[in-house]
Structures are given as C-alpha cells and as structure tokens.
Amino acid sequence: MKYNFNESNPFLNSCDPFDRLLIGQAIVENVSIISQDCMFNSYPIHLIW
C-alpha cells in the first residue's frame, strides 16, 4: 500500500509528527485510533475511548 503524507493536507495540522502519521494511517486504512487525547476529535477518524 502506498501512502502519500504531506504537510499540505489540511487534516494534518497536529504539531506532533507521530500524531500526523497515526491520523493519516487511520484515514487511509479506515481504522480506529484508541486514545483519550481530545486533539483527535478534530479529524475525520473513528476514535475509541
């Protein structure tokens, strides 16, 4: 699977590069993220917690 992550994506505004990877992968693979960090609520992902 090829990923195209870049800084111009409006959904990837997080300052933490690891968060950007998690968000991007969750969007591309349509998977959930398990976290209680409310920052993830700003993105079109399924959040569990």
C-alpha atoms as a PDB file:
ATOM      1  CA  MET A   1       0.000   0.000   0.000  1.00  0.00           C
ATOM      2  CA  LYS A   2       1.370   3.400  -0.946  1.00  0.00           C
ATOM      3  CA  TYR A   3       0.991   6.339   1.444  1.00  0.00           C
ATOM      4  CA  ASN A   4       1.149   9.941   0.381  1.00  0.00           C
ATOM      5  CA  PHE A   5       1.622  12.010   3.527  1.00  0.00           C
ATOM      6  CA  ASN A   6       2.471  15.651   3.062  1.00  0.00           C
ATOM      7  CA  GLU A   7       2.364  18.863   5.033  1.00  0.00           C
ATOM      8  CA  SER A   8      -0.254  20.464   2.765  1.00  0.00           C
ATOM      9  CA  ASN A   9      -3.022  18.115   3.928  1.00  0.00           C
ATOM     10  CA  PRO A  10      -5.476  20.317   5.905  1.00  0.00           C
ATOM     11  CA  PHE A  11      -6.386  17.412   8.179  1.00  0.00           C
ATOM     12  CA  LEU A  12      -2.839  17.005   9.421  1.00  0.00           C
ATOM     13  CA  ASN A  13      -2.491  20.179  11.495  1.00  0.00           C
ATOM     14  CA  SER A  14      -1.051  18.440  14.536  1.00  0.00           C
ATOM     15  CA  CYS A  15       2.390  19.633  15.607  1.00  0.00           C
ATOM     16  CA  ASP A  16       3.456  16.138  16.586  1.00  0.00           C
ATOM     17  CA  PRO A  17       4.780  14.187  13.575  1.00  0.00           C
ATOM     18  CA  PHE A  18       3.818  10.856  15.150  1.00  0.00           C
ATOM     19  CA  ASP A  19       0.218  12.084  15.589  1.00  0.00           C
ATOM     20  CA  ARG A  20       0.188  13.071  11.904  1.00  0.00           C
ATOM     21  CA  LEU A  21       1.296   9.558  10.958  1.00  0.00           C
ATOM     22  CA  LEU A  22      -1.405   7.988  13.128  1.00  0.00           C
ATOM     23  CA  ILE A  23      -4.115  10.268  11.724  1.00  0.00           C
ATOM     24  CA  GLY A  24      -3.017   9.746   8.133  1.00  0.00           C
ATOM     25  CA  GLN A  25      -2.875   5.988   8.511  1.00  0.00           C
ATOM     26  CA  ALA A  26      -6.276   5.903  10.230  1.00  0.00           C
ATOM     27  CA  ILE A  27      -7.782   7.878   7.329  1.00  0.00           C
ATOM     28  CA  VAL A  28      -6.126   5.825   4.568  1.00  0.00           C
ATOM     29  CA  GLU A  29      -6.794   2.412   6.113  1.00  0.00           C
ATOM     30  CA  ASN A  30     -10.175   3.351   7.633  1.00  0.00           C
ATOM     31  CA  VAL A  31      -9.158   2.141  11.101  1.00  0.00           C
ATOM     32  CA  SER A  32      -9.836   3.490  14.588  1.00  0.00           C
ATOM     33  CA  ILE A  33      -7.449   5.218  16.962  1.00  0.00           C
ATOM     34  CA  ILE A  34      -7.571   4.371  20.650  1.00  0.00           C
ATOM     35  CA  SER A  35      -6.756   7.476  22.665  1.00  0.00           C
ATOM     36  CA  GLN A  36      -8.201   9.871  25.188  1.00  0.00           C
ATOM     37  CA  ASP A  37      -6.393  12.833  23.601  1.00  0.00           C
ATOM     38  CA  CYS A  38      -9.172  15.254  22.582  1.00  0.00           C
ATOM     39  CA  MET A  39      -6.963  16.598  19.769  1.00  0.00           C
ATOM     40  CA  PHE A  40      -8.029  13.608  17.649  1.00  0.00           C
ATOM     41  CA  ASN A  41     -11.672  14.791  17.749  1.00  0.00           C
ATOM     42  CA  SER A  42     -10.782  17.408  15.121  1.00  0.00           C
ATOM     43  CA  TYR A  43     -10.129  14.777  12.442  1.00  0.00           C
ATOM     44  CA  PRO A  44     -12.418  12.552  10.346  1.00  0.00           C
ATOM     45  CA  ILE A  45     -11.425   9.358  12.139  1.00  0.00           C
ATOM     46  CA  HIS A  46     -13.148   6.920  14.445  1.00  0.00           C
ATOM     47  CA  LEU A  47     -11.873   7.484  17.972  1.00  0.00           C
ATOM     48  CA  ILE A  48     -12.257   4.913  20.741  1.00  0.00           C
ATOM     49  CA  TRP A  49     -12.133   5.919  24.408  1.00  0.00           C
END
